[in-house]
Amino acid sequence: MAFKPVTKEGEEKGKKLWNGSLSFNEKAVLMALVEDCRASYTKISAIMPITKRAISKIRYKLDKSGVISGYSANLNHEIFGINVFAFMFMRKNYGNQELNNKFYEFVKRSPEIIGCYEVAEDSLYILLGGFRNLYELEGYLSSFQLRNKDLFEVSKVCITSNRGQIKNSASDLFKAVLV
């Protein structure tokens, strides 16, 4: 087996790291899946000199080992009426772990939030949210401030639209790492 998950000392139990030992065929299958996560074994075998059964085994191994953590569809936001995106910079007003957990749960329950990133040095969180229009964004921010006034202050909001999105994919990064 070419892929060997390694566990870093002090890490959460069961969490594994990739140690970079993928075979040529494993890398090729991953590249094909990064290009098209719905690619069939037949389609992949057409570009690789191995059997569909071998591709099936490689894909199974990559899934089981955690190299592949899931498959997703990229949906068109505009078709669903999501036209406004906002980067919301939230500054912490606390240091209490219980309040941290309350904030994490609030973010996880917020369907509008696409991503949440913690910038530890600055006690800052950057949230990326999607909204149908500016009124919906304003309503979300008002609700957020009302519910979380003891936890956070909204320090900055940067607004963009679907058309302002230049890139929203890590596929190029994975392709570069796999080469």
Foldseek 3Di string as FASTA:
>chain_A
DQWDWDDDPPDDPPDTDTPLRDDPVLLLLVLVCLVPVPDQLVNSVVVPVDHSVVSVVSVVVCCVVVVDPDDDDDDDCVVVLFWKKKWWKKAFPDDDVVLVVVVVVVLVPDPQWPDWDADPVRSIIITIGTDNDVVRVVVVVVVCCVVQVNTIDGPDMDMDTPVPDDDDDCSVVSNVSSD
